[in-house]
N, C-alpha and C. Protein backbone atom coordinates (compact mmCIF):
# COMPACT_ATOMS: atom_id res chain seq x y z
N UNK A 1 53.18 -126.13 -97.07
CA UNK A 1 51.94 -124.55 -97.20
C UNK A 1 52.17 -124.01 -95.41
N UNK A 2 52.79 -124.78 -94.52
CA UNK A 2 52.52 -124.30 -93.72
C UNK A 2 53.16 -123.85 -93.14
N UNK A 3 54.22 -124.27 -93.56
CA UNK A 3 56.15 -123.85 -92.82
C UNK A 3 56.00 -123.01 -94.42
N UNK A 4 56.38 -123.43 -95.25
CA UNK A 4 56.23 -121.23 -95.69
C UNK A 4 56.06 -120.23 -95.14
N UNK A 5 54.42 -120.79 -95.17
CA UNK A 5 53.99 -119.49 -94.37
C UNK A 5 53.72 -118.98 -92.90
N UNK A 6 54.73 -120.10 -91.87
CA UNK A 6 54.94 -119.18 -91.54
C UNK A 6 56.15 -118.94 -91.06
N UNK A 7 57.08 -119.61 -92.24
CA UNK A 7 58.88 -119.09 -92.81
C UNK A 7 58.23 -117.29 -93.08
N UNK A 8 57.49 -117.84 -93.72
CA UNK A 8 57.22 -115.78 -94.76
C UNK A 8 56.60 -114.63 -93.72
N UNK A 9 55.45 -115.46 -92.91
CA UNK A 9 55.66 -114.28 -91.94
C UNK A 9 55.88 -114.46 -90.55
N UNK A 10 57.34 -115.28 -90.42
CA UNK A 10 58.86 -115.12 -89.31
C UNK A 10 58.83 -113.56 -89.75
N UNK A 11 59.97 -113.94 -91.77
CA UNK A 11 60.88 -113.12 -92.57
C UNK A 11 59.70 -111.50 -92.08
N UNK A 12 58.37 -111.33 -91.99
CA UNK A 12 59.12 -110.45 -92.90
C UNK A 12 57.48 -109.84 -91.55
N UNK A 13 57.65 -109.85 -90.13
CA UNK A 13 57.12 -109.43 -89.16
C UNK A 13 59.13 -109.28 -88.77
N UNK A 14 60.53 -110.21 -88.40
CA UNK A 14 61.59 -109.42 -88.16
C UNK A 14 61.88 -108.27 -88.44
N UNK A 15 61.05 -107.98 -90.09
CA UNK A 15 62.03 -106.85 -90.60
C UNK A 15 60.89 -105.58 -90.38
N UNK A 16 60.19 -106.56 -90.27
CA UNK A 16 59.07 -105.07 -89.84
C UNK A 16 59.36 -104.28 -87.49
N UNK A 17 59.60 -105.46 -87.39
CA UNK A 17 60.27 -104.73 -85.93
C UNK A 17 61.76 -103.34 -85.95
N UNK A 18 62.46 -103.77 -87.35
CA UNK A 18 63.06 -103.03 -87.02
C UNK A 18 62.61 -101.90 -87.72
N UNK A 19 61.26 -101.44 -88.73
CA UNK A 19 61.41 -100.01 -88.26
C UNK A 19 62.24 -100.01 -89.69
N UNK A 20 63.37 -99.86 -90.60
CA UNK A 20 63.49 -99.40 -90.96
C UNK A 20 63.75 -99.97 -92.93
N UNK A 21 62.50 -98.82 -93.78
CA UNK A 21 62.16 -99.41 -94.80
C UNK A 21 63.87 -100.13 -95.72
N UNK A 22 65.01 -99.81 -95.06
CA UNK A 22 65.82 -100.29 -96.41
C UNK A 22 66.37 -101.35 -96.63
N UNK A 23 65.51 -102.30 -94.89
CA UNK A 23 65.65 -103.44 -94.74
C UNK A 23 64.25 -104.34 -94.66
N UNK A 24 63.29 -103.51 -93.86
CA UNK A 24 61.80 -103.91 -95.30
C UNK A 24 61.45 -104.26 -96.00
N UNK A 25 61.78 -103.66 -97.34
CA UNK A 25 61.99 -103.24 -98.50
C UNK A 25 61.93 -104.57 -99.86
N UNK A 26 63.30 -105.14 -99.72
CA UNK A 26 64.15 -106.48 -99.74
C UNK A 26 63.26 -107.62 -98.77
N UNK A 27 62.73 -107.70 -97.77
CA UNK A 27 62.71 -108.39 -97.10
C UNK A 27 61.34 -108.55 -97.27
N UNK A 28 60.25 -107.97 -97.78
CA UNK A 28 59.21 -108.57 -98.79
C UNK A 28 58.92 -108.46 -99.80
N UNK A 29 59.73 -108.03 -100.85
CA UNK A 29 59.89 -108.39 -101.60
C UNK A 29 60.37 -109.78 -102.07
N UNK A 30 61.08 -110.40 -101.48
CA UNK A 30 61.51 -111.94 -101.68
C UNK A 30 60.28 -112.60 -100.18
N UNK A 31 59.16 -112.56 -99.84
CA UNK A 31 58.51 -112.49 -98.71
C UNK A 31 57.18 -113.07 -100.40
N UNK A 32 56.83 -112.08 -100.95
CA UNK A 32 55.85 -111.48 -101.86
C UNK A 32 56.27 -112.63 -103.31
N UNK A 33 57.96 -113.10 -103.13
CA UNK A 33 58.03 -113.82 -104.25
C UNK A 33 57.95 -115.32 -103.39
N UNK A 34 58.48 -115.84 -103.03
CA UNK A 34 58.34 -116.62 -101.57
C UNK A 34 56.84 -117.27 -101.55
N UNK A 35 55.38 -116.55 -102.11
CA UNK A 35 54.30 -116.86 -102.01
C UNK A 35 53.85 -117.40 -103.89
N UNK A 36 54.76 -116.38 -104.18
CA UNK A 36 53.89 -117.20 -105.30
C UNK A 36 55.20 -117.69 -106.11
N UNK A 37 55.74 -118.11 -105.05
CA UNK A 37 57.00 -119.17 -105.95
C UNK A 37 56.60 -120.69 -105.06
N UNK A 38 56.14 -120.34 -103.98
CA UNK A 38 55.76 -122.17 -102.80
C UNK A 38 53.81 -121.43 -102.70
N UNK A 39 53.58 -121.00 -102.29
CA UNK A 39 52.29 -121.28 -101.25
C UNK A 39 51.59 -121.25 -102.97
N UNK A 40 51.54 -119.89 -103.24
CA UNK A 40 49.47 -119.80 -104.17
C UNK A 40 50.41 -121.73 -105.47
N UNK A 41 51.04 -122.85 -105.77
CA UNK A 41 50.66 -123.54 -105.74
C UNK A 41 50.38 -125.01 -105.00
N UNK A 42 50.85 -124.90 -103.82
CA UNK A 42 50.76 -125.83 -102.52
C UNK A 42 49.23 -125.07 -102.56
N UNK A 43 48.42 -124.33 -102.71
CA UNK A 43 46.36 -123.92 -102.13
C UNK A 43 46.15 -125.10 -103.06
N UNK A 44 46.89 -124.66 -104.55
CA UNK A 44 45.51 -125.24 -105.34
C UNK A 44 46.77 -126.75 -105.69
N UNK A 45 48.02 -127.01 -105.00
CA UNK A 45 48.45 -128.28 -104.76
C UNK A 45 47.20 -129.15 -104.63
N UNK A 46 47.30 -129.17 -103.00
CA UNK A 46 46.96 -129.45 -102.04
C UNK A 46 45.46 -129.83 -102.79
N UNK A 47 44.17 -129.41 -102.37
CA UNK A 47 43.38 -130.49 -103.15
C UNK A 47 43.03 -130.64 -104.07
N UNK A 48 43.38 -131.04 -104.48
CA UNK A 48 43.90 -131.83 -106.42
C UNK A 48 44.89 -133.33 -105.39
N UNK A 49 45.49 -133.09 -105.07
CA UNK A 49 46.32 -134.03 -104.29
C UNK A 49 45.51 -134.33 -103.38
N UNK A 50 45.17 -133.69 -102.65
CA UNK A 50 43.92 -135.04 -101.42
C UNK A 50 42.81 -135.23 -102.09
N UNK A 51 42.25 -134.90 -103.21
CA UNK A 51 40.55 -135.30 -103.93
C UNK A 51 41.33 -136.24 -104.56
N UNK A 52 42.94 -136.57 -104.45
CA UNK A 52 42.92 -138.01 -105.04
C UNK A 52 43.62 -138.80 -104.68
N UNK A 53 43.86 -137.86 -103.34
CA UNK A 53 44.82 -139.68 -101.99
C UNK A 53 43.27 -139.85 -101.84
N UNK A 54 42.46 -139.09 -101.51
CA UNK A 54 40.73 -139.64 -100.93
C UNK A 54 40.26 -141.12 -102.17
N UNK A 55 39.93 -140.41 -103.45
CA UNK A 55 39.16 -141.63 -104.31
C UNK A 55 40.49 -143.12 -104.15
N UNK A 56 41.78 -142.86 -104.26
CA UNK A 56 42.63 -144.14 -103.98
C UNK A 56 42.28 -144.72 -102.74
N UNK A 57 42.24 -144.23 -101.55
CA UNK A 57 41.62 -144.66 -100.66
C UNK A 57 40.65 -145.32 -100.46
N UNK A 58 39.77 -144.33 -101.69
CA UNK A 58 38.24 -145.12 -101.36
C UNK A 58 37.38 -144.40 -100.24
N UNK A 59 37.99 -143.75 -100.31
CA UNK A 59 36.91 -142.06 -99.31
C UNK A 59 36.62 -141.26 -99.55
N UNK A 60 35.41 -140.86 -99.01
CA UNK A 60 34.34 -139.93 -99.86
C UNK A 60 34.90 -138.25 -99.41
N UNK A 61 34.84 -137.42 -100.13
CA UNK A 61 34.50 -136.03 -100.11
C UNK A 61 33.00 -136.13 -99.60
N UNK A 62 32.54 -136.35 -99.30
CA UNK A 62 31.34 -135.52 -98.24
C UNK A 62 31.62 -136.38 -96.58
N UNK A 63 32.56 -137.03 -96.55
CA UNK A 63 33.16 -137.11 -95.27
C UNK A 63 32.86 -136.29 -93.66
N UNK A 64 31.55 -135.54 -93.21
CA UNK A 64 31.58 -135.39 -91.95
C UNK A 64 33.86 -134.09 -92.06
N UNK A 65 34.31 -134.52 -91.76
CA UNK A 65 35.71 -134.34 -91.69
C UNK A 65 36.53 -133.28 -92.55
N UNK A 66 36.38 -134.49 -93.95
CA UNK A 66 36.67 -133.92 -94.87
C UNK A 66 36.28 -132.01 -95.04
N UNK A 67 34.67 -132.42 -95.38
CA UNK A 67 34.31 -131.39 -95.50
C UNK A 67 34.13 -130.21 -94.79
N UNK A 68 34.59 -129.84 -93.19
CA UNK A 68 35.41 -129.63 -92.57
C UNK A 68 36.24 -129.14 -93.03
N UNK A 69 37.21 -129.57 -93.62
CA UNK A 69 39.14 -129.48 -93.48
C UNK A 69 38.39 -128.56 -94.49
N UNK A 70 37.08 -128.59 -95.29
CA UNK A 70 37.32 -127.54 -96.88
C UNK A 70 37.31 -126.48 -96.23
N UNK A 71 36.44 -126.34 -96.08
CA UNK A 71 35.40 -124.79 -95.71
C UNK A 71 37.13 -123.95 -94.67
N UNK A 72 37.79 -124.48 -94.09
CA UNK A 72 38.25 -124.38 -93.32
C UNK A 72 39.83 -123.73 -94.08
N UNK A 73 39.96 -124.57 -94.98
CA UNK A 73 40.91 -124.02 -96.39
C UNK A 73 40.04 -123.08 -97.37
N UNK A 74 38.77 -122.49 -97.01
CA UNK A 74 38.18 -121.65 -98.10
C UNK A 74 38.34 -121.03 -97.12
N UNK A 75 38.32 -121.36 -96.18
CA UNK A 75 38.10 -119.56 -94.69
C UNK A 75 39.51 -119.55 -94.92
N UNK A 76 40.33 -120.06 -95.18
CA UNK A 76 41.74 -119.74 -95.04
C UNK A 76 42.57 -119.34 -95.98
N UNK A 77 42.14 -120.03 -97.45
CA UNK A 77 42.33 -118.65 -98.48
C UNK A 77 41.59 -117.66 -98.40
N UNK A 78 40.69 -117.49 -98.22
CA UNK A 78 40.13 -115.66 -97.76
C UNK A 78 40.59 -114.91 -96.68
N UNK A 79 41.01 -115.24 -96.47
CA UNK A 79 42.65 -114.74 -95.35
C UNK A 79 43.55 -114.53 -95.91
N UNK A 80 44.03 -115.51 -96.60
CA UNK A 80 45.41 -115.91 -97.29
C UNK A 80 45.73 -115.09 -98.98
N UNK A 81 44.19 -113.89 -98.87
CA UNK A 81 44.53 -113.87 -100.71
C UNK A 81 44.73 -112.63 -100.36
N UNK A 82 43.99 -111.48 -99.09
CA UNK A 82 44.45 -109.84 -99.36
C UNK A 82 45.85 -110.45 -98.30
N UNK A 83 46.22 -111.63 -98.02
CA UNK A 83 47.26 -111.53 -97.44
C UNK A 83 48.37 -110.29 -98.49
N UNK A 84 48.16 -111.47 -99.76
CA UNK A 84 48.98 -111.52 -100.69
C UNK A 84 49.59 -110.04 -101.21
N UNK A 85 48.07 -109.51 -101.54
CA UNK A 85 47.76 -107.94 -101.67
C UNK A 85 48.79 -106.46 -100.63
N UNK A 86 48.37 -106.88 -100.43
CA UNK A 86 48.76 -106.09 -98.60
C UNK A 86 50.18 -105.95 -98.63
N UNK A 87 51.14 -108.03 -98.81
CA UNK A 87 52.51 -107.73 -98.33
C UNK A 87 53.16 -107.09 -100.38
N UNK A 88 52.15 -107.03 -101.27
CA UNK A 88 52.61 -106.18 -102.29
C UNK A 88 52.40 -105.34 -102.15
N UNK A 89 51.67 -104.81 -101.15
CA UNK A 89 51.74 -103.16 -100.45
C UNK A 89 52.67 -102.51 -99.92
N UNK A 90 53.26 -103.11 -99.15
CA UNK A 90 53.28 -103.11 -98.22
C UNK A 90 54.94 -103.42 -98.37
N UNK A 91 56.07 -103.97 -99.96
CA UNK A 91 56.96 -103.86 -100.75
C UNK A 91 57.28 -102.90 -101.49
N UNK A 92 55.90 -102.67 -101.65
CA UNK A 92 55.97 -101.14 -103.26
C UNK A 92 56.21 -99.66 -101.27
N UNK A 93 55.10 -100.28 -100.13
CA UNK A 93 55.11 -98.24 -99.66
C UNK A 93 56.78 -98.51 -98.99
N UNK A 94 57.15 -99.54 -98.90
CA UNK A 94 58.78 -99.70 -98.09
C UNK A 94 60.22 -99.09 -98.96
N UNK A 95 60.19 -100.05 -100.09
CA UNK A 95 60.68 -99.58 -101.25
C UNK A 95 60.39 -98.06 -101.41
N UNK A 96 59.34 -97.09 -101.26
CA UNK A 96 59.44 -95.98 -102.09
C UNK A 96 59.89 -94.70 -101.05
N UNK A 97 60.11 -95.83 -99.74
CA UNK A 97 60.89 -94.85 -98.23
C UNK A 97 61.52 -94.70 -98.92
N UNK A 98 62.25 -96.22 -98.61
CA UNK A 98 63.66 -96.19 -98.90
C UNK A 98 64.66 -95.96 -99.84
N UNK A 99 63.55 -95.99 -100.92
CA UNK A 99 64.72 -95.17 -101.97
C UNK A 99 64.75 -93.00 -102.26
N UNK A 100 63.43 -92.69 -100.40
CA UNK A 100 63.56 -91.50 -101.21
C UNK A 100 64.05 -91.13 -99.24
N UNK A 101 64.55 -92.24 -98.88
CA UNK A 101 65.87 -92.10 -96.97
C UNK A 101 64.39 -91.73 -95.99
N UNK A 102 63.05 -92.01 -96.46
CA UNK A 102 61.91 -91.29 -95.64
C UNK A 102 62.00 -92.89 -94.86
N UNK A 103 60.47 -92.21 -93.37
CA UNK A 103 60.31 -92.75 -92.92
C UNK A 103 58.26 -93.87 -93.70
N UNK A 104 58.46 -95.22 -93.02
CA UNK A 104 57.56 -95.02 -93.24
C UNK A 104 56.46 -94.30 -93.09
N UNK A 105 55.50 -94.07 -94.02
CA UNK A 105 54.46 -93.99 -94.20
C UNK A 105 53.18 -94.28 -93.26
N UNK A 106 52.32 -94.28 -93.02
CA UNK A 106 51.34 -94.46 -92.28
C UNK A 106 50.78 -95.64 -92.57
N UNK A 107 50.48 -95.68 -93.86
CA UNK A 107 49.69 -96.44 -94.91
C UNK A 107 50.24 -98.23 -94.13
N UNK A 108 51.67 -98.21 -94.59
CA UNK A 108 52.41 -98.92 -94.72
C UNK A 108 52.17 -99.36 -92.89
N UNK A 109 52.26 -98.68 -91.69
CA UNK A 109 51.32 -99.56 -90.21
C UNK A 109 50.11 -99.68 -90.79
N UNK A 110 48.44 -99.19 -91.71
CA UNK A 110 47.55 -99.97 -91.72
C UNK A 110 47.49 -101.36 -91.97
N UNK A 111 48.43 -101.68 -92.62
CA UNK A 111 48.42 -102.66 -94.14
C UNK A 111 49.07 -103.60 -93.23
N UNK A 112 50.08 -103.66 -92.19
CA UNK A 112 51.01 -104.49 -91.15
C UNK A 112 49.60 -105.26 -90.46
N UNK A 113 48.57 -104.08 -89.22
CA UNK A 113 48.49 -103.96 -88.60
C UNK A 113 47.03 -105.30 -89.74
N UNK A 114 46.81 -105.16 -90.54
CA UNK A 114 45.62 -105.73 -91.14
C UNK A 114 45.89 -106.97 -91.39
N UNK A 115 47.71 -106.60 -91.96
CA UNK A 115 48.14 -108.01 -91.87
C UNK A 115 48.86 -108.93 -90.83
N UNK A 116 49.11 -109.04 -90.25
CA UNK A 116 49.42 -109.45 -89.61
C UNK A 116 47.68 -109.98 -88.75
N UNK A 117 46.77 -109.51 -88.73
CA UNK A 117 45.86 -109.69 -88.26
C UNK A 117 44.89 -110.41 -88.20
N UNK A 118 44.94 -110.29 -89.84
CA UNK A 118 45.02 -111.83 -91.02
C UNK A 118 46.01 -113.04 -90.69
N UNK A 119 46.82 -112.45 -90.11
CA UNK A 119 47.41 -113.80 -90.22
C UNK A 119 47.23 -115.24 -88.92
N UNK A 120 46.41 -114.40 -88.60
CA UNK A 120 46.30 -115.33 -87.61
C UNK A 120 44.95 -116.16 -87.53
N UNK A 121 43.88 -116.02 -88.67
CA UNK A 121 42.78 -117.11 -88.30
C UNK A 121 43.11 -117.73 -89.38
N UNK A 122 44.35 -117.74 -90.34
CA UNK A 122 44.53 -118.67 -91.11
C UNK A 122 46.13 -119.76 -90.57
N UNK A 123 46.79 -118.45 -88.85
CA UNK A 123 47.53 -119.73 -88.73
C UNK A 123 47.14 -121.28 -87.48
N UNK A 124 45.27 -120.58 -86.83
CA UNK A 124 44.69 -121.70 -86.39
C UNK A 124 43.62 -122.31 -87.41
N UNK A 125 43.16 -121.87 -88.62
CA UNK A 125 42.44 -122.64 -89.52
C UNK A 125 43.93 -123.85 -89.88
N UNK A 126 44.48 -123.62 -89.83
CA UNK A 126 45.46 -124.71 -90.18
C UNK A 126 45.93 -125.68 -89.50
N UNK A 127 46.10 -125.13 -87.96
CA UNK A 127 46.37 -125.73 -87.00
C UNK A 127 45.09 -126.75 -86.68
N UNK A 128 43.78 -126.18 -86.76
CA UNK A 128 42.60 -126.68 -86.66
C UNK A 128 42.58 -127.91 -88.16
N UNK A 129 42.53 -127.64 -89.52
CA UNK A 129 43.31 -129.49 -90.24
C UNK A 129 43.68 -129.86 -89.48
N UNK A 130 44.70 -129.80 -89.31
CA UNK A 130 45.71 -130.78 -88.95
C UNK A 130 44.84 -131.82 -87.77
N UNK A 131 44.39 -130.83 -86.88
CA UNK A 131 43.30 -131.29 -85.65
C UNK A 131 42.46 -132.36 -85.94
N UNK A 132 42.17 -132.18 -86.84
CA UNK A 132 40.11 -133.07 -87.75
C UNK A 132 41.88 -134.38 -88.99
N UNK A 133 42.61 -133.85 -89.04
CA UNK A 133 43.04 -135.34 -89.97
C UNK A 133 43.56 -136.12 -89.03
N UNK A 134 44.56 -135.81 -87.52
CA UNK A 134 45.19 -136.84 -86.57
C UNK A 134 43.82 -137.66 -85.78
N UNK A 135 42.58 -136.64 -85.90
CA UNK A 135 41.42 -137.11 -84.63
C UNK A 135 39.91 -137.63 -85.06
N UNK A 136 39.93 -137.77 -86.56
CA UNK A 136 38.50 -137.45 -87.97
C UNK A 136 38.91 -138.75 -87.28
N UNK A 137 39.14 -139.61 -86.82
CA UNK A 137 38.61 -141.49 -87.02
C UNK A 137 37.74 -141.03 -85.21
N UNK A 138 38.35 -140.25 -84.40
CA UNK A 138 37.79 -140.14 -82.96
C UNK A 138 35.19 -139.37 -83.71
N UNK A 139 36.23 -138.62 -85.11
CA UNK A 139 34.90 -137.81 -85.19
C UNK A 139 34.01 -138.76 -86.31
N UNK A 140 33.99 -139.40 -86.69
CA UNK A 140 33.77 -140.91 -87.18
C UNK A 140 32.08 -141.00 -86.03
């Protein structure tokens, strides 16, 4: 999930920096596709496989470090869901502009700024979960 999210963000940001709707439209379309093909299944699979792993190891899901990681996971998801909607909107707006040979509309810029702003807490939340997983023995 982290790798796919970072890759998606990289390609979307690189396309956006061109300012060219003809570049942004196909990249944004692929970004949306990648989110549905890779990120969404990971979002579902990770808590399921994590719970199964905890059960196999005899670790309670009520351990404070697991509860904290799950809370962060939910907060990350609350950032990710609108990001996907924004990506779909940016793809549509860029495709329309490319078709018409027009510049990107202001709505695209607004959607991108919100997308970018929501990406940071999600990215930092994933890093925090990594930190929790690494340092959890110290947290006990």
